[in-house]
Protein backbone atom coordinates (compact mmCIF):
# COMPACT_ATOMS: atom_id res chain seq x y z
CA MET A 1 75.48 95.53 115.00
CA LEU A 2 79.28 95.41 115.41
CA THR A 3 78.87 92.51 118.02
CA LEU A 4 76.60 90.61 115.61
CA TYR A 5 79.07 91.12 112.67
CA ARG A 6 81.97 89.88 114.69
CA LEU A 7 79.95 86.83 115.91
CA ALA A 8 78.92 86.06 112.36
CA TRP A 9 82.51 86.08 111.36
CA TRP A 10 83.47 83.49 114.11
CA LEU A 11 80.59 81.30 113.09
CA ALA A 12 80.97 81.53 109.41
CA ALA A 13 84.88 81.45 109.26
CA PRO A 14 85.33 77.68 108.40
CA LEU A 15 82.88 78.01 105.47
CA VAL A 16 84.30 81.25 104.22
CA PHE A 17 87.85 79.81 104.66
CA LEU A 18 86.96 76.95 102.38
CA ALA A 19 84.89 79.08 99.99
CA THR A 20 87.67 81.64 99.37
CA ALA A 21 90.12 78.81 98.85
CA LEU A 22 87.88 77.33 96.16
CA HIS A 23 86.52 80.43 94.36
CA PRO A 24 88.79 81.47 91.35
CA LYS A 25 88.55 85.17 92.34
CA THR A 26 89.38 84.94 96.03
CA ARG A 27 91.91 82.07 95.50
CA VAL A 28 94.27 84.71 94.08
CA ARG A 29 96.73 85.54 97.00
CA TRP A 30 94.54 83.36 99.33
CA GLU A 31 97.35 82.88 101.82
CA GLU A 32 97.71 86.56 102.36
CA ARG A 33 93.94 87.00 102.93
CA TRP A 34 94.16 84.62 105.87
CA MET A 35 97.59 85.59 107.14
CA LEU A 36 99.21 82.26 106.14
CA ARG A 37 101.73 84.37 104.40
CA VAL A 38 102.95 87.78 105.80
CA PRO A 39 103.65 90.55 103.34
CA ALA A 40 107.38 91.17 103.11
CA VAL A 41 107.53 94.60 104.44
CA GLU A 42 108.92 96.07 107.59
CA PRO A 43 107.03 98.00 110.32
CA GLY A 44 106.28 101.53 109.41
CA ALA A 45 105.00 101.08 105.86
CA ILE A 46 102.13 103.12 104.51
CA VAL A 47 99.22 100.88 103.44
CA VAL A 48 97.09 102.25 100.65
CA HIS A 49 93.86 100.16 99.93
CA ALA A 50 91.81 100.47 96.77
CA ALA A 51 89.15 97.81 95.85
CA SER A 52 88.30 98.44 92.25
CA ILE A 53 90.22 99.38 89.17
CA GLY A 54 88.79 102.92 89.24
CA GLU A 55 89.79 103.46 92.81
CA GLY A 56 93.09 101.91 91.84
CA ARG A 57 93.72 104.81 89.59
CA ALA A 58 93.15 107.19 92.38
CA ALA A 59 95.38 105.09 94.63
CA GLU A 60 98.13 105.28 91.81
CA ALA A 61 98.10 109.08 91.87
CA LEU A 62 98.28 109.22 95.65
CA LEU A 63 101.15 106.52 95.67
CA GLU A 64 103.24 108.63 93.20
CA ALA A 65 102.55 111.84 95.21
CA LEU A 66 103.88 110.03 98.47
CA ARG A 67 107.01 108.50 97.04
CA PRO A 68 109.17 111.50 98.03
CA ALA A 69 108.48 110.65 101.62
CA ARG A 70 110.84 107.56 101.13
CA ARG A 71 108.42 105.27 103.12
CA VAL A 72 107.66 101.78 101.86
CA LEU A 73 104.20 101.91 100.14
CA LEU A 74 102.24 98.76 100.41
CA ARG A 75 99.28 98.74 98.06
CA THR A 76 96.43 96.32 98.86
CA ALA A 77 93.48 95.16 96.82
CA THR A 78 90.73 92.43 96.99
CA SER A 79 90.07 91.39 93.33
CA PRO A 80 92.35 89.69 90.68
CA ALA A 81 91.76 92.75 88.59
CA GLY A 82 92.76 95.10 91.28
CA PHE A 83 96.07 93.18 91.71
CA GLN A 84 96.73 93.03 87.92
CA ASN A 85 96.19 96.70 87.39
CA ALA A 86 97.82 98.08 90.62
CA ARG A 87 100.66 100.61 89.98
CA GLY A 88 102.71 103.08 91.85
CA HIS A 89 103.51 101.01 94.78
CA HIS A 90 106.60 99.35 96.24
CA ALA A 91 104.91 96.15 97.45
CA LEU A 92 101.51 94.54 96.69
CA SER A 93 99.43 92.33 98.81
CA ALA A 94 95.80 91.26 99.50
CA LEU A 95 93.85 92.80 102.29
CA PRO A 96 93.04 90.36 105.01
CA VAL A 97 89.58 89.06 105.59
CA ASP A 98 87.72 91.06 108.15
CA HIS A 99 87.69 88.38 110.78
CA PRO A 100 88.59 89.70 114.17
CA ALA A 101 91.53 87.48 114.79
CA ILE A 102 92.96 87.79 111.30
CA VAL A 103 92.96 91.55 111.26
CA ARG A 104 94.51 91.58 114.68
CA ALA A 105 97.30 89.22 113.48
CA TRP A 106 97.65 91.46 110.35
CA VAL A 107 98.11 94.71 112.34
CA ASN A 108 100.40 92.88 114.81
CA ARG A 109 102.82 91.67 112.07
CA LEU A 110 102.83 94.42 109.62
CA ARG A 111 102.67 97.33 112.19
CA PRO A 112 101.88 99.96 109.65
CA SER A 113 102.39 103.56 110.32
CA LEU A 114 99.26 104.63 108.32
CA LEU A 115 96.26 103.09 106.69
CA VAL A 116 94.82 104.92 103.80
CA LEU A 117 91.40 103.86 102.23
CA VAL A 118 90.54 105.21 98.85
CA GLU A 119 87.00 106.47 98.44
CA ALA A 120 84.50 103.99 99.74
CA GLU A 121 85.43 100.50 100.80
CA ILE A 122 85.36 100.14 104.63
CA TRP A 123 86.13 97.01 106.75
CA PRO A 124 84.95 97.63 110.21
CA ASN A 125 87.08 95.25 112.26
CA LEU A 126 90.18 96.22 110.30
CA VAL A 127 89.47 99.91 110.84
CA ILE A 128 88.78 99.56 114.51
CA GLU A 129 91.75 97.37 115.21
CA CYS A 130 94.10 99.76 113.49
CA ALA A 131 92.77 102.60 115.59
CA ARG A 132 93.01 100.38 118.77
CA ARG A 133 96.82 99.98 117.98
CA GLY A 134 97.30 103.66 117.28
CA VAL A 135 97.52 103.36 113.58
CA PRO A 136 95.90 106.38 111.85
CA VAL A 137 93.12 105.61 109.34
CA LEU A 138 92.61 108.03 106.55
CA ARG A 139 89.89 107.95 103.87
CA VAL A 140 90.88 109.99 100.91
CA SER A 141 88.40 111.47 98.43
CA PRO A 142 85.59 109.91 100.36
CA ARG A 143 82.54 108.80 98.44
CA GLU A 144 79.17 108.39 100.12
CA GLY A 145 77.10 106.06 98.00
CA PRO A 146 74.03 104.01 99.12
CA GLY A 147 76.29 101.14 100.26
CA THR A 148 78.56 103.42 102.17
CA GLN A 149 75.61 105.16 103.94
CA ARG A 150 74.32 101.77 105.01
CA MET A 151 77.71 100.97 106.46
CA ARG A 152 77.79 104.26 108.30
CA ARG A 153 74.32 103.51 109.95
CA TRP A 154 75.46 99.86 110.87
CA PHE A 155 78.92 100.54 112.09
CA PRO A 156 79.29 103.95 113.54
CA GLU A 157 82.17 102.82 115.70
CA ALA A 158 84.26 102.43 112.44
CA PHE A 159 83.42 105.58 110.90
CA ALA A 160 84.12 107.40 114.25
CA VAL A 161 87.76 106.62 113.94
CA ILE A 162 88.30 107.36 110.24
CA HIS A 163 89.54 110.80 109.13
CA ASP A 164 88.19 111.90 105.88
CA VAL A 165 90.55 113.87 103.63
CA ASP A 166 89.39 115.49 100.36
CA LEU A 167 92.17 115.42 97.85
CA GLY A 168 89.74 116.22 94.92
CA PRO A 169 89.36 114.02 91.95
CA LEU A 170 92.31 111.84 92.43
CA LYS A 171 91.48 109.61 89.40
CA ARG A 172 91.92 112.61 87.11
CA ALA A 173 95.51 112.89 88.25
CA ALA A 174 96.51 109.15 87.56
CA THR A 175 98.63 108.46 84.56
CA LEU A 176 96.54 106.60 81.93
CA PRO A 177 97.90 103.78 79.98
CA ASN A 178 98.19 103.66 76.18
CA PRO A 179 95.33 101.82 74.24
CA PRO A 180 96.27 98.46 73.00
CA PHE A 181 94.92 99.18 69.54
CA GLU A 182 93.44 101.99 67.51
CA LEU A 183 89.72 102.47 66.75
CA PRO A 184 87.78 104.46 64.02
CA ARG A 185 86.96 108.21 64.79
CA PRO A 186 84.86 109.80 66.13
CA LEU A 187 84.89 107.39 68.94
CA LEU A 188 82.45 107.09 71.87
CA VAL A 189 83.66 105.05 74.80
CA ALA A 190 81.15 103.77 77.00
CA GLY A 191 82.43 102.62 80.47
CA SER A 192 80.95 100.59 83.38
CA VAL A 193 77.81 99.87 81.29
CA ARG A 194 75.06 98.42 83.38
CA GLU A 195 71.78 96.68 82.52
CA GLY A 196 69.65 98.81 80.22
CA ASP A 197 72.54 101.13 79.30
CA THR A 198 73.34 99.18 76.08
CA GLU A 199 69.87 99.20 74.67
CA ARG A 200 69.72 103.08 75.43
CA LEU A 201 73.09 103.73 73.70
CA LEU A 202 72.19 101.61 70.61
CA GLU A 203 68.73 103.24 70.26
CA ALA A 204 70.38 106.71 70.63
CA LEU A 205 73.06 105.83 67.88
CA ASP A 206 70.29 104.74 65.52
CA ARG A 207 68.64 108.15 65.77
CA MET A 208 71.77 110.08 64.95
CA ASP A 209 72.53 111.09 61.29
CA GLU A 210 76.28 110.67 61.86
CA ALA A 211 76.75 108.24 64.68
CA PRO A 212 80.31 107.69 66.19
CA PHE A 213 81.97 104.32 66.56
CA LEU A 214 81.04 102.86 69.89
CA LEU A 215 83.42 100.97 72.20
CA LEU A 216 81.22 99.17 74.79
CA ALA A 217 82.82 98.14 78.21
CA PRO A 218 80.33 96.44 80.41
CA ARG A 219 80.80 96.75 84.23
CA TYR A 220 80.54 92.91 84.45
CA PRO A 221 81.61 91.40 81.07
CA ASP A 222 80.83 87.75 82.01
CA GLY A 223 77.07 88.54 82.18
CA PHE A 224 76.81 90.69 79.12
CA ASP A 225 74.24 89.75 76.43
CA ARG A 226 76.31 89.63 73.31
CA SER A 227 73.27 88.90 71.15
CA LEU A 228 72.50 92.78 71.52
CA LEU A 229 75.45 93.46 69.26
CA GLU A 230 74.74 91.15 66.42
CA GLY A 231 74.87 92.89 63.08
CA ARG A 232 76.42 96.09 64.58
CA GLU A 233 79.58 96.76 62.55
CA ARG A 234 80.42 100.06 64.25
CA VAL A 235 80.20 98.64 67.78
CA ARG A 236 83.01 96.69 69.43
CA LEU A 237 82.87 95.03 72.84
CA LEU A 238 85.64 95.42 75.29
CA ASP A 239 85.41 92.52 77.62
CA THR A 240 88.84 92.54 79.10
CA VAL A 241 89.73 94.13 82.43
CA GLY A 242 92.09 97.06 82.93
CA GLU A 243 92.23 98.34 79.36
CA LEU A 244 89.32 100.81 79.37
CA ALA A 245 91.35 103.75 80.77
CA GLY A 246 93.78 103.58 77.79
CA PHE A 247 90.98 104.01 75.22
CA TYR A 248 89.84 107.32 76.85
CA ARG A 249 93.01 108.81 75.61
CA ILE A 250 91.83 108.38 72.08
CA ALA A 251 88.02 108.96 72.59
CA ASP A 252 86.14 111.95 71.38
CA ALA A 253 83.47 111.42 73.97
CA ALA A 254 82.57 109.07 76.77
CA PHE A 255 79.44 107.65 78.44
CA VAL A 256 79.34 106.66 82.09
CA GLY A 257 77.24 103.68 83.04
CA GLY A 258 74.91 103.31 86.01
CA THR A 259 73.60 106.81 85.55
CA TYR A 260 70.12 105.61 84.53
CA ASP A 261 69.60 103.57 87.76
CA PRO A 262 68.90 105.41 90.96
CA ALA A 263 69.96 102.50 93.14
CA ILE A 264 73.48 102.74 91.56
CA GLY A 265 73.69 106.46 91.36
CA GLY A 266 76.18 106.54 88.51
CA HIS A 267 79.76 105.39 88.24
CA SER A 268 82.61 107.73 88.35
CA PRO A 269 83.56 109.81 85.30
CA ALA A 270 86.99 110.56 86.61
CA GLU A 271 89.01 108.40 84.33
CA ALA A 272 87.42 109.98 81.23
CA LEU A 273 87.84 113.58 82.60
CA ALA A 274 91.45 112.79 83.37
CA ALA A 275 91.92 112.14 79.62
CA GLY A 276 90.24 115.45 78.82
CA VAL A 277 87.25 113.70 77.29
CA PRO A 278 83.68 115.24 77.48
CA VAL A 279 81.19 112.96 79.22
CA VAL A 280 77.55 112.26 78.58
CA HIS A 281 75.47 110.65 81.35
CA GLY A 282 71.98 109.87 82.66
CA PRO A 283 70.04 111.69 85.38
CA PHE A 284 71.40 109.78 88.43
CA THR A 285 74.95 110.69 89.66
CA SER A 286 74.48 110.73 93.45
CA SER A 287 77.26 108.18 94.16
CA ASN A 288 79.94 110.30 92.58
CA ALA A 289 78.21 113.76 92.60
CA ASP A 290 81.42 115.62 93.19
CA SER A 291 83.21 114.11 90.24
CA TYR A 292 80.75 115.51 87.61
CA ASP A 293 81.60 118.99 86.35
CA GLU A 294 80.84 121.47 83.57
CA ARG A 295 82.32 118.93 81.04
CA CYS A 296 79.64 116.32 81.94
CA VAL A 297 76.56 116.54 79.73
CA HIS A 298 72.97 115.24 80.45
CA GLU A 299 70.01 115.64 77.99
CA PRO A 300 66.59 114.20 78.29
CA GLU A 301 67.36 112.49 75.02
CA LEU A 302 70.59 110.64 74.98
CA ALA A 303 71.30 111.03 71.21
CA ARG A 304 71.31 114.84 71.79
CA GLY A 305 73.57 114.43 74.79
CA ILE A 306 76.04 112.41 72.65
CA GLU A 307 76.05 115.00 69.93
CA ARG A 308 76.69 117.82 72.44
CA ALA A 309 79.56 115.92 74.01
CA LEU A 310 81.08 115.29 70.49
CA GLU A 311 80.86 119.01 69.78
CA MET A 312 82.95 119.82 72.86
CA ARG A 313 86.78 119.77 72.45
CA ARG A 314 89.08 117.66 74.45
CA ILE A 315 91.25 119.52 76.90
CA GLU A 316 94.66 118.82 78.47
CA PRO A 317 94.75 116.08 81.23
CA THR A 318 94.87 117.61 84.88
CA SER A 319 98.25 117.53 86.80
CA ALA A 320 99.21 115.27 89.72
CA PRO A 321 97.74 116.01 93.13
CA VAL A 322 99.48 117.80 96.04
CA VAL A 323 99.21 115.78 99.17
CA PRO A 324 97.89 118.18 101.76
CA ASP A 325 99.19 118.47 105.37
CA PRO A 326 96.42 116.30 106.95
CA VAL A 327 98.07 113.27 105.10
CA LEU A 328 101.51 114.41 105.33
CA GLU A 329 101.46 114.72 109.20
CA HIS A 330 100.76 111.01 109.53
CA VAL A 331 103.29 109.86 106.94
CA LEU A 332 106.25 109.89 109.43
CA ALA A 333 104.25 108.41 112.36
CA GLU A 334 105.93 105.71 114.40
CA PRO A 335 104.62 102.09 113.91
CA PRO A 336 102.91 100.34 116.79
CA ALA A 337 104.99 98.51 119.31
CA GLU A 338 105.74 94.87 118.85
CA LEU A 339 103.30 92.32 120.46
CA PRO A 340 103.42 88.49 120.57
CA TYR A 341 102.75 86.86 117.11
CA ARG A 342 100.74 83.92 118.30
CA ALA A 343 99.74 84.72 121.91
CA TRP A 344 97.38 81.73 122.16
CA MET A 345 100.41 79.42 122.10
CA TRP A 346 101.82 80.47 125.44
CA PRO A 347 101.04 77.18 127.14
CA LEU A 348 103.57 75.40 124.83
CA ASP A 349 106.40 77.91 125.73
CA HIS A 350 107.42 76.06 128.90
CA LEU A 351 107.60 72.72 127.09
CA TYR A 352 109.72 74.30 124.29
CA ARG A 353 112.28 75.77 126.74
CA LEU A 354 112.53 72.42 128.61
CA ALA A 355 113.20 70.56 125.42
CA LEU A 356 115.94 73.05 124.14
CA ALA A 357 117.54 73.88 127.52
CA PRO A 358 121.16 74.59 126.71
CA SER A 359 123.86 72.66 128.27
CA SER A 360 126.05 74.35 130.88
CA GLU A 361 129.18 72.60 129.78
CA ARG A 362 131.27 74.30 127.00
CA ASP A 363 134.02 72.60 125.03
CA LYS A 364 137.28 74.43 124.90
CA ALA A 365 138.64 75.71 121.56
CA SER A 366 142.29 76.04 120.55
CA LEU A 367 141.96 79.68 119.21
CA VAL A 368 140.39 82.85 120.34
CA VAL A 369 136.65 82.62 119.64
CA LEU A 370 134.41 85.61 119.09
CA SER A 371 130.88 84.68 118.87
CA VAL A 372 128.16 86.72 116.93
CA GLY A 373 124.71 85.60 117.56
CA ASN A 374 121.07 86.69 118.10
CA LEU A 375 118.03 85.60 119.91
CA ALA A 376 115.74 86.14 116.94
CA SER A 377 115.73 83.26 114.37
CA GLY A 378 117.24 85.66 111.71
CA GLY A 379 116.97 88.99 109.98
CA THR A 380 118.87 91.09 112.66
CA GLY A 381 121.76 92.01 110.29
CA LYS A 382 124.24 89.48 111.91
CA THR A 383 126.26 88.88 108.67
CA PRO A 384 127.20 92.44 108.14
CA VAL A 385 128.37 92.51 111.79
CA VAL A 386 130.57 89.47 111.09
CA ARG A 387 131.97 91.23 107.99
CA HIS A 388 132.71 94.34 110.23
CA LEU A 389 134.47 92.31 112.85
CA LEU A 390 136.63 90.69 110.12
CA GLN A 391 137.78 94.08 109.05
CA GLU A 392 138.57 95.06 112.63
CA LEU A 393 140.68 91.98 113.20
CA ARG A 394 142.54 92.41 109.87
CA ALA A 395 143.39 96.01 110.98
CA LEU A 396 144.92 94.49 114.19
CA GLY A 397 147.14 92.34 112.09
CA ARG A 398 145.16 89.13 112.70
CA THR A 399 144.26 86.38 110.30
CA PRO A 400 140.56 85.66 111.03
CA ALA A 401 138.43 82.82 110.01
CA VAL A 402 134.57 82.43 110.08
CA VAL A 403 133.26 79.17 111.42
CA SER A 404 129.63 78.28 110.65
CA ARG A 405 127.30 75.34 110.56
CA GLY A 406 126.94 75.98 106.81
CA TRP A 407 123.12 75.98 107.14
CA LYS A 408 121.25 75.29 103.80
CA GLY A 409 124.36 75.71 101.50
CA GLY A 410 126.18 78.24 103.60
CA ASP A 411 125.17 81.38 101.68
CA GLU A 412 126.85 83.62 104.33
CA LEU A 413 130.17 81.69 104.03
CA LYS A 414 130.13 82.08 100.28
CA MET A 415 129.64 85.89 100.70
CA LEU A 416 132.65 85.98 103.05
CA ALA A 417 134.98 83.59 101.26
CA GLY A 418 137.14 86.34 99.72
CA GLU A 419 137.57 88.17 103.02
CA ALA A 420 138.56 85.46 105.46
CA ILE A 421 139.19 81.67 105.94
CA VAL A 422 135.74 80.12 106.00
CA VAL A 423 134.93 76.76 107.47
CA ALA A 424 131.48 75.01 107.45
CA ASN A 425 131.21 72.43 110.25
CA ALA A 426 128.34 71.48 112.53
CA ASP A 427 130.84 70.54 115.09
CA ARG A 428 132.09 74.01 116.14
CA VAL A 429 135.24 72.76 118.07
CA ALA A 430 136.30 70.60 114.92
CA GLY A 431 135.51 73.72 112.84
CA VAL A 432 137.86 75.81 114.96
CA ALA A 433 140.60 73.22 114.74
CA GLU A 434 140.15 73.08 110.93
CA ALA A 435 140.50 76.93 110.87
CA ALA A 436 143.70 76.71 112.85
CA GLU A 437 145.28 74.23 110.41
CA GLN A 438 144.42 76.62 107.60
CA GLY A 439 146.37 79.34 109.32
CA ALA A 440 143.80 81.28 111.26
CA ASP A 441 144.71 82.80 114.68
CA VAL A 442 141.22 84.04 115.66
CA VAL A 443 137.81 82.66 114.85
CA VAL A 444 134.44 84.54 114.39
CA LEU A 445 131.72 82.08 115.20
CA ASP A 446 128.67 82.78 113.03
CA ASP A 447 125.49 82.19 115.00
CA GLY A 448 127.28 80.92 118.05
CA PHE A 449 125.46 82.38 120.98
CA HIS A 450 123.69 79.04 121.49
CA ALA A 451 126.66 76.74 120.67
CA SER A 452 128.21 74.51 123.33
CA ILE A 453 131.73 75.87 122.76
CA ALA A 454 133.72 78.22 125.02
CA ARG A 455 133.76 81.76 123.70
CA ASP A 456 136.06 84.64 124.62
CA LEU A 457 133.63 87.39 123.54
CA ASP A 458 129.86 86.97 123.11
CA ILE A 459 128.20 89.64 120.87
CA LEU A 460 124.52 89.57 120.70
CA VAL A 461 122.93 91.34 117.62
CA VAL A 462 119.44 92.70 118.09
CA ASP A 463 117.18 94.37 115.47
CA GLY A 464 115.57 97.24 117.57
CA VAL A 465 112.45 97.27 115.42
CA HIS A 466 111.81 93.56 116.31
CA PRO A 467 113.55 93.47 119.78
CA THR A 468 111.41 90.53 121.05
CA ALA A 469 110.91 88.88 117.61
CA GLY A 470 107.23 88.37 118.51
CA GLY A 471 108.08 86.32 121.52
CA PRO A 472 109.77 82.97 122.20
CA ILE A 473 109.24 80.10 119.78
CA PRO A 474 106.52 78.93 119.18
CA ILE A 475 104.77 82.17 120.07
CA GLY A 476 107.21 84.13 117.90
CA GLU A 477 110.59 83.60 116.46
CA ALA A 478 112.91 84.20 119.49
CA ARG A 479 115.28 81.46 120.79
CA PRO A 480 116.04 80.92 124.52
CA GLY A 481 118.40 83.36 125.98
CA ARG A 482 118.68 86.82 127.56
CA PHE A 483 120.54 89.99 126.49
CA GLU A 484 122.31 90.21 129.95
CA GLU A 485 124.04 86.87 129.08
CA ALA A 486 126.15 88.67 126.33
CA ASP A 487 129.38 90.63 126.68
CA LEU A 488 128.24 93.24 124.17
CA VAL A 489 124.81 93.90 122.71
CA TRP A 490 124.89 95.34 119.17
CA CYS A 491 121.85 97.04 117.83
CA THR A 492 121.64 97.31 114.05
CA ARG A 493 118.39 99.39 113.92
CA GLY A 494 116.02 101.04 116.24
CA ASP A 495 116.26 102.19 119.77
CA HIS A 496 116.82 98.96 121.79
CA PRO A 497 119.40 99.39 124.79
CA ALA A 498 122.81 98.36 123.40
CA ASP A 499 126.63 98.91 123.75
CA ILE A 500 127.16 99.30 120.06
CA ARG A 501 124.85 100.88 117.40
CA SER A 502 125.14 100.83 113.66
CA ARG A 503 123.16 101.82 110.47
CA VAL A 504 122.81 100.18 107.17
CA VAL A 505 124.75 101.75 104.10
CA LEU A 506 124.09 100.66 100.60
CA GLU A 507 126.82 100.25 98.11
CA ASP A 508 126.30 100.27 94.19
CA VAL A 509 122.91 101.88 94.58
CA PRO A 510 120.96 101.58 91.19
CA THR A 511 119.59 104.50 89.27
CA GLY A 512 116.28 104.39 87.34
CA PRO A 513 113.22 102.12 88.07
CA VAL A 514 114.13 98.55 89.09
CA HIS A 515 112.37 95.35 90.34
CA ALA A 516 113.94 94.19 93.59
CA PHE A 517 113.79 90.67 94.95
CA ALA A 518 115.26 88.76 97.95
CA GLY A 519 115.07 85.49 99.40
CA ILE A 520 116.42 86.25 103.02
CA HIS A 521 114.85 86.41 106.47
CA ARG A 522 112.90 89.63 106.95
CA ALA A 523 113.41 90.41 103.29
CA GLY A 524 111.52 93.63 103.83
CA ARG A 525 114.62 95.13 105.40
CA PHE A 526 116.21 95.04 102.01
CA LEU A 527 113.19 96.83 100.37
CA GLU A 528 113.16 99.36 103.17
CA ALA A 529 116.84 100.19 102.70
CA LEU A 530 116.32 100.61 98.94
CA VAL A 531 113.39 103.05 99.53
CA HIS A 532 115.07 104.92 102.19
CA ALA A 533 118.04 105.42 99.74
CA GLY A 534 115.86 106.89 97.14
CA VAL A 535 115.89 103.93 94.76
CA ASP A 536 112.84 103.81 92.40
CA VAL A 537 111.58 100.50 93.29
CA ARG A 538 108.61 99.55 90.79
CA GLY A 539 108.32 95.84 91.60
CA TRP A 540 109.11 93.66 94.67
CA THR A 541 109.17 89.92 95.12
CA ALA A 542 110.12 88.02 98.29
CA TRP A 543 110.89 84.40 98.96
CA PRO A 544 111.65 82.47 102.21
CA ASP A 545 115.22 82.52 103.64
CA HIS A 546 117.69 80.52 101.63
CA HIS A 547 115.35 80.15 98.59
CA ARG A 548 116.93 78.11 95.82
CA PHE A 549 116.13 80.10 92.63
CA GLU A 550 115.20 78.20 89.43
CA PRO A 551 116.04 79.49 85.99
CA GLY A 552 113.32 82.07 84.79
CA GLU A 553 111.83 82.35 88.31
CA VAL A 554 112.33 86.02 88.48
CA VAL A 555 110.87 87.75 85.41
CA SER A 556 110.51 91.45 84.94
CA ASP A 557 110.70 94.22 82.19
CA LEU A 558 112.79 96.14 84.68
CA PRO A 559 116.33 95.81 85.67
CA LEU A 560 116.70 93.32 88.56
CA VAL A 561 118.35 94.08 91.84
CA THR A 562 119.03 91.77 94.69
CA THR A 563 120.98 91.25 97.87
CA GLU A 564 124.67 89.92 97.91
CA LYS A 565 123.44 86.75 99.69
CA ASP A 566 120.80 86.04 97.16
CA ALA A 567 123.19 86.58 94.29
CA VAL A 568 125.04 83.42 95.56
CA ARG A 569 121.93 81.50 94.62
CA PHE A 570 120.64 83.33 91.63
CA CYS A 571 121.47 82.04 88.23
CA GLY A 572 120.28 85.03 86.18
CA GLU A 573 121.51 88.52 85.65
CA ALA A 574 120.85 91.01 88.64
CA GLN A 575 122.67 94.08 90.08
CA VAL A 576 123.88 93.24 93.46
CA VAL A 577 123.37 95.96 96.15
CA ARG A 578 125.70 95.33 98.96
CA MET A 579 124.50 96.23 102.45
CA ARG A 580 127.20 97.11 104.88
CA ILE A 581 127.00 98.62 108.33
CA GLU A 582 128.50 101.88 109.68
CA VAL A 583 129.06 101.97 113.33
CA VAL A 584 127.59 105.16 114.87
CA ASP A 585 128.16 104.56 118.56
CA GLY A 586 130.38 102.26 120.51
CA GLU A 587 133.20 101.72 118.07
CA GLU A 588 135.93 102.48 120.56
CA LEU A 589 134.35 100.16 123.01
CA LEU A 590 134.41 97.31 120.42
CA ARG A 591 138.06 97.95 119.49
CA ARG A 592 139.09 97.96 123.26
CA ARG A 593 137.22 94.75 124.02
CA LEU A 594 138.80 93.11 121.00
CA ARG A 595 142.32 94.05 122.01
CA GLU A 596 141.61 92.86 125.56
CA VAL A 597 140.42 89.48 124.61
CA LEU A 598 143.44 88.94 122.18
CA GLU A 599 145.94 90.11 124.71
CA LEU A 600 144.33 87.94 127.54
CA ARG A 601 144.64 84.84 125.43
CA GLU A 602 148.20 85.54 124.50
CA SER A 603 149.06 86.18 128.08
CA ALA A 604 147.39 82.91 129.10
CA CYS A 605 149.45 81.06 126.33
CA SER A 606 152.79 82.63 127.42
CA ALA A 607 152.08 81.57 130.91
């Protein structure tokens, strides 16, 4: 069956591609579904997937319990309602379509440390690809409804690699929202109402001497027959998505839909029970049998069941879950190794290298030139390294300058303007001359590894989490060059072989919940640094590198925080979190090489 399933995806992919682009529900975050836009998180994130709003409540409780681990929490969903009502995460994204090539690209780019599926939704290709790459797959609070049982029969390979972990009724531990408005009491809230449930409820209320006010929430509001409620003054229809849970907080009793249909097997009563509300239901509860307890009432006559539920008292909501060892042991797992992003483009690699072969001739400069560059197209932490070099040079009594091409407005130069002479010039030799005219006696060349100018010291910066940057352009994001060509290799993160190692240290760390945003290459590094520092990130938005922010583009009820580089382009109010580096290994080597280079040039000039 798995082979046929994958073949069907390959054959139907063009049609599904167009259909998902046109359908209003799947058009939401469509680019993420097809990996045309990669979620802005770094490798090692914990992915928690929940499909429906109800499963989303369980995911919220789990995410809150996982926050102390200080790992980036990526919540995924599939429906617009799922995105709209998702809470508790650091970052939010669509789950990719289950096409074999798409899920392979998703795992290769995200490289999660753990995939957690909440309750029932299983995507075979995604699960199997994660297992193939060594990513643990857990299913928490597993639910075995008819659909899941069919999936198990059809795709035993997927279920063989899933580890089921029973965390109990997670939905009961989720924080319920407040109701948007009040309703008369006593109040009966009927949730996930299916075909036939409405008629049964109305008939039961007609039989009662003192019927409660009824709030009716259909499972599918668009297809609900509103004519059933004509003339019913003590019945209100709730046809919005995501507000039902709030009304359980003021309900005196609840009815759970789908419990009169054996094919459905009843929806979950967990949200009502989480609010401490007694539940009345029909005879069929097999899809969520473990969720129904002594506070759930069933009577042959629904009217009598409602009366019994109303006679019971509300109880205090349950507490948050404790995440057991089977989950925690995977939380700190290492992400998979980096692989080429677009391996199918290898034939173009040779042509690209020929077209961009660097010249062997290098123009001489009038000052000492220290180059800070990288092989990746960005996101290695090069600018903090430049700032650290400026500090070292000033400590040696030098007057340094930074020369850069000034790419897309020169955000980096604006950041460094108060710390050194800054010059933006695409002609590096002319830029060095201009720096000399302004009084500089040494130049730090920003992104100068591939420049055709003579350098006295070449420092190559590498991010050890992305050492190959997904392969050379166009396979990945790496430019031509080899680490052996550099005088010093500086690793800003990870375990890549290097002469100098450093770590990121945040300054002006915010307190309280915040919404973070960034428009830099590998923006996920900023989010990861905030999370590792214990910042309570409740919202996250990322844009492409050098994004030009428009007024009102970043909107949140929470305080905004951003990077120093983005603050140069942002026109609103936001707290700036400065990311500096702290050298943990190789600092004496760096200082010795700087002194040697400066003394060598001075000796040559004296001669």
